[in-house]
């Protein structure tokens, strides 16, 4: 079994024409999130079919994520993204297995 991480996935449709600004705001906040000792990494992707952005962040535990979510850093990051977001939905899960394919090695 892989490391037992707690994964949070966010789906965020962004107001048309604000994609560049959203990405810049996300990157600025993501750099601060990466400094949290409970954060194990994060990714930003954009859907092909719907154009929504997807944030996947991994945490060392559910408790670490909840501690971050209750903190001021999280509130500041949410406020910085609010002008660009139309809505958002969050899914949480426990990562059970992670396999690296040949294309991801080295």
PDB file of N, CA and C in Angstrom:
ATOM      1  N   UNK A   1       0.845  -1.180   0.000  1.00  0.00           N
ATOM      2  CA  UNK A   1       0.000   0.000   0.000  1.00  0.00           C
ATOM      3  C   UNK A   1       0.886   1.238   0.000  1.00  0.00           C
ATOM      4  N   UNK A   2       0.439   2.250  -0.704  1.00  0.00           N
ATOM      5  CA  UNK A   2       1.161   3.519  -0.776  1.00  0.00           C
ATOM      6  C   UNK A   2       1.009   4.269   0.537  1.00  0.00           C
ATOM      7  N   UNK A   3       1.702   5.376   0.633  1.00  0.00           N
ATOM      8  CA  UNK A   3       1.539   6.242   1.788  1.00  0.00           C
ATOM      9  C   UNK A   3       0.058   6.591   1.951  1.00  0.00           C
ATOM     10  N   UNK A   4      -0.387   6.666   3.178  1.00  0.00           N
ATOM     11  CA  UNK A   4      -1.799   6.946   3.418  1.00  0.00           C
ATOM     12  C   UNK A   4      -2.003   8.448   3.510  1.00  0.00           C
ATOM     13  N   UNK A   5      -2.363   9.031   2.407  1.00  0.00           N
ATOM     14  CA  UNK A   5      -2.587  10.468   2.338  1.00  0.00           C
ATOM     15  C   UNK A   5      -4.077  10.764   2.294  1.00  0.00           C
ATOM     16  N   UNK A   6      -4.411  11.971   2.688  1.00  0.00           N
ATOM     17  CA  UNK A   6      -5.775  12.465   2.596  1.00  0.00           C
ATOM     18  C   UNK A   6      -5.814  13.410   1.410  1.00  0.00           C
ATOM     19  N   UNK A   7      -6.661  13.124   0.450  1.00  0.00           N
ATOM     20  CA  UNK A   7      -6.711  13.889  -0.793  1.00  0.00           C
ATOM     21  C   UNK A   7      -7.976  14.744  -0.843  1.00  0.00           C
ATOM     22  N   UNK A   8      -7.794  15.987  -1.249  1.00  0.00           N
ATOM     23  CA  UNK A   8      -8.907  16.917  -1.411  1.00  0.00           C
ATOM     24  C   UNK A   8      -8.920  17.358  -2.869  1.00  0.00           C
ATOM     25  N   UNK A   9     -10.060  17.214  -3.528  1.00  0.00           N
ATOM     26  CA  UNK A   9     -10.207  17.632  -4.919  1.00  0.00           C
ATOM     27  C   UNK A   9     -11.280  18.718  -4.976  1.00  0.00           C
ATOM     28  N   UNK A  10     -10.922  19.838  -5.598  1.00  0.00           N
ATOM     29  CA  UNK A  10     -11.845  20.953  -5.776  1.00  0.00           C
ATOM     30  C   UNK A  10     -12.106  21.151  -7.256  1.00  0.00           C
ATOM     31  N   UNK A  11     -13.346  21.354  -7.608  1.00  0.00           N
ATOM     32  CA  UNK A  11     -13.724  21.712  -8.978  1.00  0.00           C
ATOM     33  C   UNK A  11     -14.238  23.133  -8.927  1.00  0.00           C
ATOM     34  N   UNK A  12     -13.619  24.026  -9.736  1.00  0.00           N
ATOM     35  CA  UNK A  12     -13.980  25.434  -9.692  1.00  0.00           C
ATOM     36  C   UNK A  12     -14.164  26.013 -11.091  1.00  0.00           C
ATOM     37  N   UNK A  13     -15.402  26.235 -11.519  1.00  0.00           N
ATOM     38  CA  UNK A  13     -15.613  27.000 -12.745  1.00  0.00           C
ATOM     39  C   UNK A  13     -15.183  28.453 -12.501  1.00  0.00           C
ATOM     40  N   UNK A  14     -14.533  29.034 -13.485  1.00  0.00           N
ATOM     41  CA  UNK A  14     -13.998  30.391 -13.366  1.00  0.00           C
ATOM     42  C   UNK A  14     -14.746  31.310 -14.324  1.00  0.00           C
ATOM     43  N   UNK A  15     -14.927  32.538 -13.904  1.00  0.00           N
ATOM     44  CA  UNK A  15     -15.607  33.521 -14.761  1.00  0.00           C
ATOM     45  C   UNK A  15     -14.828  33.678 -16.072  1.00  0.00           C
ATOM     46  N   UNK A  16     -15.518  33.685 -17.192  1.00  0.00           N
ATOM     47  CA  UNK A  16     -14.851  33.794 -18.497  1.00  0.00           C
ATOM     48  C   UNK A  16     -13.960  35.040 -18.572  1.00  0.00           C
ATOM     49  N   UNK A  17     -12.790  34.838 -19.158  1.00  0.00           N
ATOM     50  CA  UNK A  17     -11.839  35.925 -19.334  1.00  0.00           C
ATOM     51  C   UNK A  17     -10.951  36.183 -18.131  1.00  0.00           C
ATOM     52  N   UNK A  18     -11.138  35.440 -17.042  1.00  0.00           N
ATOM     53  CA  UNK A  18     -10.364  35.675 -15.827  1.00  0.00           C
ATOM     54  C   UNK A  18      -9.401  34.530 -15.515  1.00  0.00           C
ATOM     55  N   UNK A  19      -9.174  33.669 -16.494  1.00  0.00           N
ATOM     56  CA  UNK A  19      -8.359  32.474 -16.272  1.00  0.00           C
ATOM     57  C   UNK A  19      -6.920  32.817 -15.862  1.00  0.00           C
ATOM     58  N   UNK A  20      -6.310  33.739 -16.554  1.00  0.00           N
ATOM     59  CA  UNK A  20      -4.911  34.090 -16.250  1.00  0.00           C
ATOM     60  C   UNK A  20      -4.784  34.636 -14.832  1.00  0.00           C
ATOM     61  N   UNK A  21      -5.673  35.537 -14.455  1.00  0.00           N
ATOM     62  CA  UNK A  21      -5.642  36.118 -13.120  1.00  0.00           C
ATOM     63  C   UNK A  21      -5.899  35.060 -12.048  1.00  0.00           C
ATOM     64  N   UNK A  22      -6.827  34.136 -12.348  1.00  0.00           N
ATOM     65  CA  UNK A  22      -7.097  33.057 -11.405  1.00  0.00           C
ATOM     66  C   UNK A  22      -5.847  32.212 -11.183  1.00  0.00           C
ATOM     67  N   UNK A  23      -5.196  31.829 -12.283  1.00  0.00           N
ATOM     68  CA  UNK A  23      -3.996  30.999 -12.149  1.00  0.00           C
ATOM     69  C   UNK A  23      -2.919  31.706 -11.340  1.00  0.00           C
ATOM     70  N   UNK A  24      -2.736  32.998 -11.558  1.00  0.00           N
ATOM     71  CA  UNK A  24      -1.739  33.753 -10.796  1.00  0.00           C
ATOM     72  C   UNK A  24      -2.090  33.792  -9.312  1.00  0.00           C
ATOM     73  N   UNK A  25      -3.366  34.024  -9.003  1.00  0.00           N
ATOM     74  CA  UNK A  25      -3.802  34.054  -7.606  1.00  0.00           C
ATOM     75  C   UNK A  25      -3.661  32.677  -6.964  1.00  0.00           C
ATOM     76  N   UNK A  26      -4.003  31.626  -7.729  1.00  0.00           N
ATOM     77  CA  UNK A  26      -3.864  30.281  -7.184  1.00  0.00           C
ATOM     78  C   UNK A  26      -2.404  29.965  -6.881  1.00  0.00           C
ATOM     79  N   UNK A  27      -1.519  30.284  -7.815  1.00  0.00           N
ATOM     80  CA  UNK A  27      -0.092  30.003  -7.598  1.00  0.00           C
ATOM     81  C   UNK A  27       0.446  30.729  -6.374  1.00  0.00           C
ATOM     82  N   UNK A  28       0.062  31.972  -6.190  1.00  0.00           N
ATOM     83  CA  UNK A  28       0.537  32.732  -5.031  1.00  0.00           C
ATOM     84  C   UNK A  28       0.080  32.069  -3.735  1.00  0.00           C
ATOM     85  N   UNK A  29      -1.178  31.660  -3.683  1.00  0.00           N
ATOM     86  CA  UNK A  29      -1.677  30.994  -2.487  1.00  0.00           C
ATOM     87  C   UNK A  29      -1.117  29.598  -2.313  1.00  0.00           C
ATOM     88  N   UNK A  30      -0.934  28.891  -3.415  1.00  0.00           N
ATOM     89  CA  UNK A  30      -0.417  27.520  -3.353  1.00  0.00           C
ATOM     90  C   UNK A  30       0.990  27.482  -2.781  1.00  0.00           C
ATOM     91  N   UNK A  31       1.770  28.501  -3.061  1.00  0.00           N
ATOM     92  CA  UNK A  31       3.130  28.563  -2.503  1.00  0.00           C
ATOM     93  C   UNK A  31       3.079  28.625  -0.979  1.00  0.00           C
ATOM     94  N   UNK A  32       2.106  29.352  -0.440  1.00  0.00           N
ATOM     95  CA  UNK A  32       1.968  29.421   1.024  1.00  0.00           C
ATOM     96  C   UNK A  32       1.457  28.089   1.582  1.00  0.00           C
ATOM     97  N   UNK A  33       0.540  27.456   0.853  1.00  0.00           N
ATOM     98  CA  UNK A  33       0.016  26.163   1.305  1.00  0.00           C
ATOM     99  C   UNK A  33       1.129  25.128   1.353  1.00  0.00           C
ATOM    100  N   UNK A  34       2.028  25.164   0.378  1.00  0.00           N
ATOM    101  CA  UNK A  34       3.139  24.211   0.329  1.00  0.00           C
ATOM    102  C   UNK A  34       4.040  24.322   1.550  1.00  0.00           C
ATOM    103  N   UNK A  35       4.038  25.468   2.207  1.00  0.00           N
ATOM    104  CA  UNK A  35       4.841  25.654   3.419  1.00  0.00           C
ATOM    105  C   UNK A  35       4.203  25.027   4.655  1.00  0.00           C
ATOM    106  N   UNK A  36       2.939  24.637   4.551  1.00  0.00           N
ATOM    107  CA  UNK A  36       2.261  24.004   5.684  1.00  0.00           C
ATOM    108  C   UNK A  36       2.850  22.608   5.880  1.00  0.00           C
ATOM    109  N   UNK A  37       3.289  22.268   7.080  1.00  0.00           N
ATOM    110  CA  UNK A  37       3.902  20.951   7.291  1.00  0.00           C
ATOM    111  C   UNK A  37       2.957  19.782   7.026  1.00  0.00           C
ATOM    112  N   UNK A  38       1.656  20.014   7.001  1.00  0.00           N
ATOM    113  CA  UNK A  38       0.705  18.950   6.721  1.00  0.00           C
ATOM    114  C   UNK A  38       0.431  18.736   5.251  1.00  0.00           C
ATOM    115  N   UNK A  39       0.901  19.655   4.396  1.00  0.00           N
ATOM    116  CA  UNK A  39       0.640  19.552   2.961  1.00  0.00           C
ATOM    117  C   UNK A  39       1.700  18.699   2.287  1.00  0.00           C
ATOM    118  N   UNK A  40       1.250  17.689   1.521  1.00  0.00           N
ATOM    119  CA  UNK A  40       2.173  16.790   0.834  1.00  0.00           C
ATOM    120  C   UNK A  40       2.285  17.096  -0.654  1.00  0.00           C
ATOM    121  N   UNK A  41       1.551  18.115  -1.134  1.00  0.00           N
ATOM    122  CA  UNK A  41       1.634  18.493  -2.540  1.00  0.00           C
ATOM    123  C   UNK A  41       0.283  18.882  -3.086  1.00  0.00           C
ATOM    124  N   UNK A  42       0.314  19.554  -4.234  1.00  0.00           N
ATOM    125  CA  UNK A  42      -0.928  20.004  -4.860  1.00  0.00           C
ATOM    126  C   UNK A  42      -0.721  20.207  -6.348  1.00  0.00           C
ATOM    127  N   UNK A  43      -1.817  20.153  -7.078  1.00  0.00           N
ATOM    128  CA  UNK A  43      -1.779  20.298  -8.534  1.00  0.00           C
ATOM    129  C   UNK A  43      -2.965  21.138  -8.982  1.00  0.00           C
ATOM    130  N   UNK A  44      -2.772  21.885 -10.055  1.00  0.00           N
ATOM    131  CA  UNK A  44      -3.861  22.622 -10.689  1.00  0.00           C
ATOM    132  C   UNK A  44      -3.985  22.119 -12.116  1.00  0.00           C
ATOM    133  N   UNK A  45      -5.201  21.737 -12.502  1.00  0.00           N
ATOM    134  CA  UNK A  45      -5.475  21.252 -13.857  1.00  0.00           C
ATOM    135  C   UNK A  45      -6.699  21.981 -14.387  1.00  0.00           C
ATOM    136  N   UNK A  46      -6.848  21.921 -15.705  1.00  0.00           N
ATOM    137  CA  UNK A  46      -8.031  22.519 -16.328  1.00  0.00           C
ATOM    138  C   UNK A  46      -8.714  21.456 -17.180  1.00  0.00           C
ATOM    139  N   UNK A  47     -10.000  21.297 -16.980  1.00  0.00           N
ATOM    140  CA  UNK A  47     -10.769  20.308 -17.720  1.00  0.00           C
ATOM    141  C   UNK A  47     -10.893  20.677 -19.185  1.00  0.00           C
ATOM    142  N   UNK A  48     -10.872  19.672 -20.047  1.00  0.00           N
ATOM    143  CA  UNK A  48     -11.028  19.914 -21.480  1.00  0.00           C
ATOM    144  C   UNK A  48     -12.481  20.151 -21.850  1.00  0.00           C
ATOM    145  N   UNK A  49     -13.367  19.365 -21.286  1.00  0.00           N
ATOM    146  CA  UNK A  49     -14.762  19.446 -21.680  1.00  0.00           C
ATOM    147  C   UNK A  49     -15.509  20.615 -21.071  1.00  0.00           C
ATOM    148  N   UNK A  50     -15.206  20.933 -19.829  1.00  0.00           N
ATOM    149  CA  UNK A  50     -15.993  21.949 -19.138  1.00  0.00           C
ATOM    150  C   UNK A  50     -15.224  23.238 -18.867  1.00  0.00           C
ATOM    151  N   UNK A  51     -13.916  23.245 -19.047  1.00  0.00           N
ATOM    152  CA  UNK A  51     -13.121  24.439 -18.813  1.00  0.00           C
ATOM    153  C   UNK A  51     -12.954  24.796 -17.350  1.00  0.00           C
ATOM    154  N   UNK A  52     -13.522  23.991 -16.451  1.00  0.00           N
ATOM    155  CA  UNK A  52     -13.372  24.242 -15.022  1.00  0.00           C
ATOM    156  C   UNK A  52     -11.942  23.894 -14.602  1.00  0.00           C
ATOM    157  N   UNK A  53     -11.519  24.491 -13.508  1.00  0.00           N
ATOM    158  CA  UNK A  53     -10.227  24.168 -12.926  1.00  0.00           C
ATOM    159  C   UNK A  53     -10.426  23.144 -11.827  1.00  0.00           C
ATOM    160  N   UNK A  54      -9.420  22.275 -11.683  1.00  0.00           N
ATOM    161  CA  UNK A  54      -9.431  21.232 -10.673  1.00  0.00           C
ATOM    162  C   UNK A  54      -8.156  21.360  -9.843  1.00  0.00           C
ATOM    163  N   UNK A  55      -8.340  21.441  -8.540  1.00  0.00           N
ATOM    164  CA  UNK A  55      -7.218  21.480  -7.615  1.00  0.00           C
ATOM    165  C   UNK A  55      -7.213  20.161  -6.859  1.00  0.00           C
ATOM    166  N   UNK A  56      -6.078  19.490  -6.864  1.00  0.00           N
ATOM    167  CA  UNK A  56      -5.906  18.268  -6.083  1.00  0.00           C
ATOM    168  C   UNK A  56      -4.797  18.553  -5.083  1.00  0.00           C
ATOM    169  N   UNK A  57      -5.109  18.409  -3.808  1.00  0.00           N
ATOM    170  CA  UNK A  57      -4.076  18.597  -2.787  1.00  0.00           C
ATOM    171  C   UNK A  57      -4.043  17.371  -1.893  1.00  0.00           C
ATOM    172  N   UNK A  58      -2.850  16.963  -1.533  1.00  0.00           N
ATOM    173  CA  UNK A  58      -2.645  15.817  -0.662  1.00  0.00           C
ATOM    174  C   UNK A  58      -2.119  16.304   0.680  1.00  0.00           C
ATOM    175  N   UNK A  59      -2.621  15.662   1.733  1.00  0.00           N
ATOM    176  CA  UNK A  59      -2.293  16.037   3.098  1.00  0.00           C
ATOM    177  C   UNK A  59      -1.835  14.797   3.850  1.00  0.00           C
ATOM    178  N   UNK A  60      -0.981  14.979   4.844  1.00  0.00           N
ATOM    179  CA  UNK A  60      -0.447  13.832   5.582  1.00  0.00           C
ATOM    180  C   UNK A  60      -1.541  13.122   6.383  1.00  0.00           C
ATOM    181  N   UNK A  61      -2.647  13.814   6.660  1.00  0.00           N
ATOM    182  CA  UNK A  61      -3.769  13.210   7.372  1.00  0.00           C
ATOM    183  C   UNK A  61      -4.996  14.100   7.219  1.00  0.00           C
ATOM    184  N   UNK A  62      -6.142  13.534   7.526  1.00  0.00           N
ATOM    185  CA  UNK A  62      -7.377  14.318   7.523  1.00  0.00           C
ATOM    186  C   UNK A  62      -7.277  15.446   8.551  1.00  0.00           C
ATOM    187  N   UNK A  63      -6.710  15.136   9.703  1.00  0.00           N
ATOM    188  CA  UNK A  63      -6.564  16.134  10.759  1.00  0.00           C
ATOM    189  C   UNK A  63      -5.699  17.308  10.318  1.00  0.00           C
ATOM    190  N   UNK A  64      -4.636  17.012   9.556  1.00  0.00           N
ATOM    191  CA  UNK A  64      -3.768  18.091   9.055  1.00  0.00           C
ATOM    192  C   UNK A  64      -4.534  19.000   8.098  1.00  0.00           C
ATOM    193  N   UNK A  65      -5.347  18.397   7.223  1.00  0.00           N
ATOM    194  CA  UNK A  65      -6.145  19.209   6.316  1.00  0.00           C
ATOM    195  C   UNK A  65      -7.158  20.060   7.081  1.00  0.00           C
ATOM    196  N   UNK A  66      -7.864  19.452   8.036  1.00  0.00           N
ATOM    197  CA  UNK A  66      -8.867  20.190   8.796  1.00  0.00           C
ATOM    198  C   UNK A  66      -8.239  21.334   9.588  1.00  0.00           C
ATOM    199  N   UNK A  67      -7.048  21.124  10.120  1.00  0.00           N
ATOM    200  CA  UNK A  67      -6.346  22.203  10.835  1.00  0.00           C
ATOM    201  C   UNK A  67      -6.034  23.348   9.877  1.00  0.00           C
ATOM    202  N   UNK A  68      -5.570  23.016   8.671  1.00  0.00           N
ATOM    203  CA  UNK A  68      -5.312  24.058   7.671  1.00  0.00           C
ATOM    204  C   UNK A  68      -6.604  24.768   7.297  1.00  0.00           C
ATOM    205  N   UNK A  69      -7.669  23.994   7.065  1.00  0.00           N
ATOM    206  CA  UNK A  69      -8.936  24.561   6.614  1.00  0.00           C
ATOM    207  C   UNK A  69      -9.518  25.553   7.626  1.00  0.00           C
ATOM    208  N   UNK A  70      -9.253  25.330   8.906  1.00  0.00           N
ATOM    209  CA  UNK A  70      -9.755  26.231   9.952  1.00  0.00           C
ATOM    210  C   UNK A  70      -8.863  27.451  10.158  1.00  0.00           C
ATOM    211  N   UNK A  71      -7.690  27.453   9.553  1.00  0.00           N
ATOM    212  CA  UNK A  71      -6.719  28.514   9.796  1.00  0.00           C
ATOM    213  C   UNK A  71      -6.922  29.757   8.946  1.00  0.00           C
ATOM    214  N   UNK A  72      -6.230  30.808   9.324  1.00  0.00           N
ATOM    215  CA  UNK A  72      -6.344  32.085   8.609  1.00  0.00           C
ATOM    216  C   UNK A  72      -5.739  32.017   7.212  1.00  0.00           C
ATOM    217  N   UNK A  73      -4.717  31.207   7.019  1.00  0.00           N
ATOM    218  CA  UNK A  73      -4.093  31.083   5.696  1.00  0.00           C
ATOM    219  C   UNK A  73      -5.109  30.585   4.676  1.00  0.00           C
ATOM    220  N   UNK A  74      -5.914  29.612   5.069  1.00  0.00           N
ATOM    221  CA  UNK A  74      -6.943  29.085   4.176  1.00  0.00           C
ATOM    222  C   UNK A  74      -7.983  30.151   3.853  1.00  0.00           C
ATOM    223  N   UNK A  75      -8.409  30.876   4.860  1.00  0.00           N
ATOM    224  CA  UNK A  75      -9.413  31.928   4.644  1.00  0.00           C
ATOM    225  C   UNK A  75      -8.888  33.007   3.697  1.00  0.00           C
ATOM    226  N   UNK A  76      -7.624  33.385   3.850  1.00  0.00           N
ATOM    227  CA  UNK A  76      -7.018  34.383   2.965  1.00  0.00           C
ATOM    228  C   UNK A  76      -6.949  33.873   1.534  1.00  0.00           C
ATOM    229  N   UNK A  77      -6.573  32.603   1.371  1.00  0.00           N
ATOM    230  CA  UNK A  77      -6.477  32.016   0.026  1.00  0.00           C
ATOM    231  C   UNK A  77      -7.858  31.969  -0.634  1.00  0.00           C
ATOM    232  N   UNK A  78      -8.866  31.563   0.108  1.00  0.00           N
ATOM    233  CA  UNK A  78     -10.240  31.537  -0.439  1.00  0.00           C
ATOM    234  C   UNK A  78     -10.680  32.924  -0.875  1.00  0.00           C
ATOM    235  N   UNK A  79     -10.390  33.930  -0.042  1.00  0.00           N
ATOM    236  CA  UNK A  79     -10.764  35.305  -0.402  1.00  0.00           C
ATOM    237  C   UNK A  79     -10.048  35.761  -1.664  1.00  0.00           C
ATOM    238  N   UNK A  80      -8.793  35.359  -1.837  1.00  0.00           N
ATOM    239  CA  UNK A  80      -8.036  35.789  -3.015  1.00  0.00           C
ATOM    240  C   UNK A  80      -8.581  35.169  -4.302  1.00  0.00           C
ATOM    241  N   UNK A  81      -9.221  34.000  -4.202  1.00  0.00           N
ATOM    242  CA  UNK A  81      -9.777  33.324  -5.377  1.00  0.00           C
ATOM    243  C   UNK A  81     -11.233  33.687  -5.646  1.00  0.00           C
ATOM    244  N   UNK A  82     -11.910  34.245  -4.662  1.00  0.00           N
ATOM    245  CA  UNK A  82     -13.344  34.534  -4.767  1.00  0.00           C
ATOM    246  C   UNK A  82     -13.720  35.383  -5.980  1.00  0.00           C
ATOM    247  N   UNK A  83     -12.948  36.399  -6.362  1.00  0.00           N
ATOM    248  CA  UNK A  83     -13.369  37.205  -7.513  1.00  0.00           C
ATOM    249  C   UNK A  83     -13.424  36.434  -8.835  1.00  0.00           C
ATOM    250  N   UNK A  84     -12.769  35.293  -8.906  1.00  0.00           N
ATOM    251  CA  UNK A  84     -12.653  34.551 -10.158  1.00  0.00           C
ATOM    252  C   UNK A  84     -13.599  33.353 -10.229  1.00  0.00           C
ATOM    253  N   UNK A  85     -13.989  32.834  -9.087  1.00  0.00           N
ATOM    254  CA  UNK A  85     -14.796  31.605  -9.020  1.00  0.00           C
ATOM    255  C   UNK A  85     -16.275  31.885  -9.220  1.00  0.00           C
ATOM    256  N   UNK A  86     -16.928  31.019  -9.967  1.00  0.00           N
ATOM    257  CA  UNK A  86     -18.392  31.074 -10.085  1.00  0.00           C
ATOM    258  C   UNK A  86     -19.023  30.251  -8.967  1.00  0.00           C
ATOM    259  N   UNK A  87     -18.389  29.162  -8.639  1.00  0.00           N
ATOM    260  CA  UNK A  87     -18.871  28.222  -7.633  1.00  0.00           C
ATOM    261  C   UNK A  87     -17.728  27.278  -7.332  1.00  0.00           C
ATOM    262  N   UNK A  88     -18.002  26.248  -6.594  1.00  0.00           N
ATOM    263  CA  UNK A  88     -16.977  25.251  -6.316  1.00  0.00           C
ATOM    264  C   UNK A  88     -17.584  24.061  -5.599  1.00  0.00           C
ATOM    265  N   UNK A  89     -16.978  22.919  -5.811  1.00  0.00           N
ATOM    266  CA  UNK A  89     -17.403  21.733  -5.084  1.00  0.00           C
ATOM    267  C   UNK A  89     -16.167  20.952  -4.666  1.00  0.00           C
ATOM    268  N   UNK A  90     -16.236  20.369  -3.481  1.00  0.00           N
ATOM    269  CA  UNK A  90     -15.090  19.678  -2.909  1.00  0.00           C
ATOM    270  C   UNK A  90     -15.421  18.212  -2.676  1.00  0.00           C
ATOM    271  N   UNK A  91     -14.458  17.350  -2.977  1.00  0.00           N
ATOM    272  CA  UNK A  91     -14.538  15.922  -2.691  1.00  0.00           C
ATOM    273  C   UNK A  91     -13.304  15.547  -1.888  1.00  0.00           C
ATOM    274  N   UNK A  92     -13.484  14.767  -0.846  1.00  0.00           N
ATOM    275  CA  UNK A  92     -12.350  14.311  -0.043  1.00  0.00           C
ATOM    276  C   UNK A  92     -12.279  12.793  -0.105  1.00  0.00           C
ATOM    277  N   UNK A  93     -11.069  12.263   0.048  1.00  0.00           N
ATOM    278  CA  UNK A  93     -10.878  10.817  -0.034  1.00  0.00           C
ATOM    279  C   UNK A  93      -9.546  10.428   0.598  1.00  0.00           C
ATOM    280  N   UNK A  94      -9.394   9.158   0.856  1.00  0.00           N
ATOM    281  CA  UNK A  94      -8.136   8.607   1.339  1.00  0.00           C
ATOM    282  C   UNK A  94      -7.433   7.927   0.170  1.00  0.00           C
ATOM    283  N   UNK A  95      -6.191   8.301  -0.073  1.00  0.00           N
ATOM    284  CA  UNK A  95      -5.407   7.691  -1.142  1.00  0.00           C
ATOM    285  C   UNK A  95      -4.981   6.299  -0.686  1.00  0.00           C
ATOM    286  N   UNK A  96      -5.347   5.293  -1.447  1.00  0.00           N
ATOM    287  CA  UNK A  96      -5.046   3.915  -1.070  1.00  0.00           C
ATOM    288  C   UNK A  96      -3.813   3.365  -1.762  1.00  0.00           C
ATOM    289  N   UNK A  97      -3.668   3.640  -3.048  1.00  0.00           N
ATOM    290  CA  UNK A  97      -2.532   3.122  -3.808  1.00  0.00           C
ATOM    291  C   UNK A  97      -2.096   4.167  -4.818  1.00  0.00           C
ATOM    292  N   UNK A  98      -0.787   4.225  -5.053  1.00  0.00           N
ATOM    293  CA  UNK A  98      -0.259   5.103  -6.096  1.00  0.00           C
ATOM    294  C   UNK A  98       0.815   4.315  -6.838  1.00  0.00           C
ATOM    295  N   UNK A  99       0.648   4.207  -8.145  1.00  0.00           N
ATOM    296  CA  UNK A  99       1.612   3.518  -8.984  1.00  0.00           C
ATOM    297  C   UNK A  99       2.193   4.531  -9.963  1.00  0.00           C
ATOM    298  N   UNK A 100       3.494   4.502 -10.150  1.00  0.00           N
ATOM    299  CA  UNK A 100       4.139   5.387 -11.114  1.00  0.00           C
ATOM    300  C   UNK A 100       4.393   4.602 -12.396  1.00  0.00           C
ATOM    301  N   UNK A 101       3.874   5.100 -13.499  1.00  0.00           N
ATOM    302  CA  UNK A 101       4.076   4.444 -14.787  1.00  0.00           C
ATOM    303  C   UNK A 101       5.444   4.747 -15.363  1.00  0.00           C
ATOM    304  N   UNK A 102       5.807   4.054 -16.406  1.00  0.00           N
ATOM    305  CA  UNK A 102       7.117   4.235 -17.042  1.00  0.00           C
ATOM    306  C   UNK A 102       7.343   5.662 -17.505  1.00  0.00           C
ATOM    307  N   UNK A 103       6.278   6.328 -17.955  1.00  0.00           N
ATOM    308  CA  UNK A 103       6.414   7.699 -18.423  1.00  0.00           C
ATOM    309  C   UNK A 103       6.673   8.705 -17.303  1.00  0.00           C
ATOM    310  N   UNK A 104       6.436   8.312 -16.056  1.00  0.00           N
ATOM    311  CA  UNK A 104       6.632   9.220 -14.917  1.00  0.00           C
ATOM    312  C   UNK A 104       7.926   8.998 -14.168  1.00  0.00           C
ATOM    313  N   UNK A 105       8.690   7.994 -14.562  1.00  0.00           N
ATOM    314  CA  UNK A 105       9.942   7.689 -13.864  1.00  0.00           C
ATOM    315  C   UNK A 105      11.083   8.526 -14.415  1.00  0.00           C
ATOM    316  N   UNK A 106      11.867   9.060 -13.497  1.00  0.00           N
ATOM    317  CA  UNK A 106      13.089   9.783 -13.846  1.00  0.00           C
ATOM    318  C   UNK A 106      12.857  10.992 -14.584  1.00  0.00           C
TER     319      UNK A 106
END
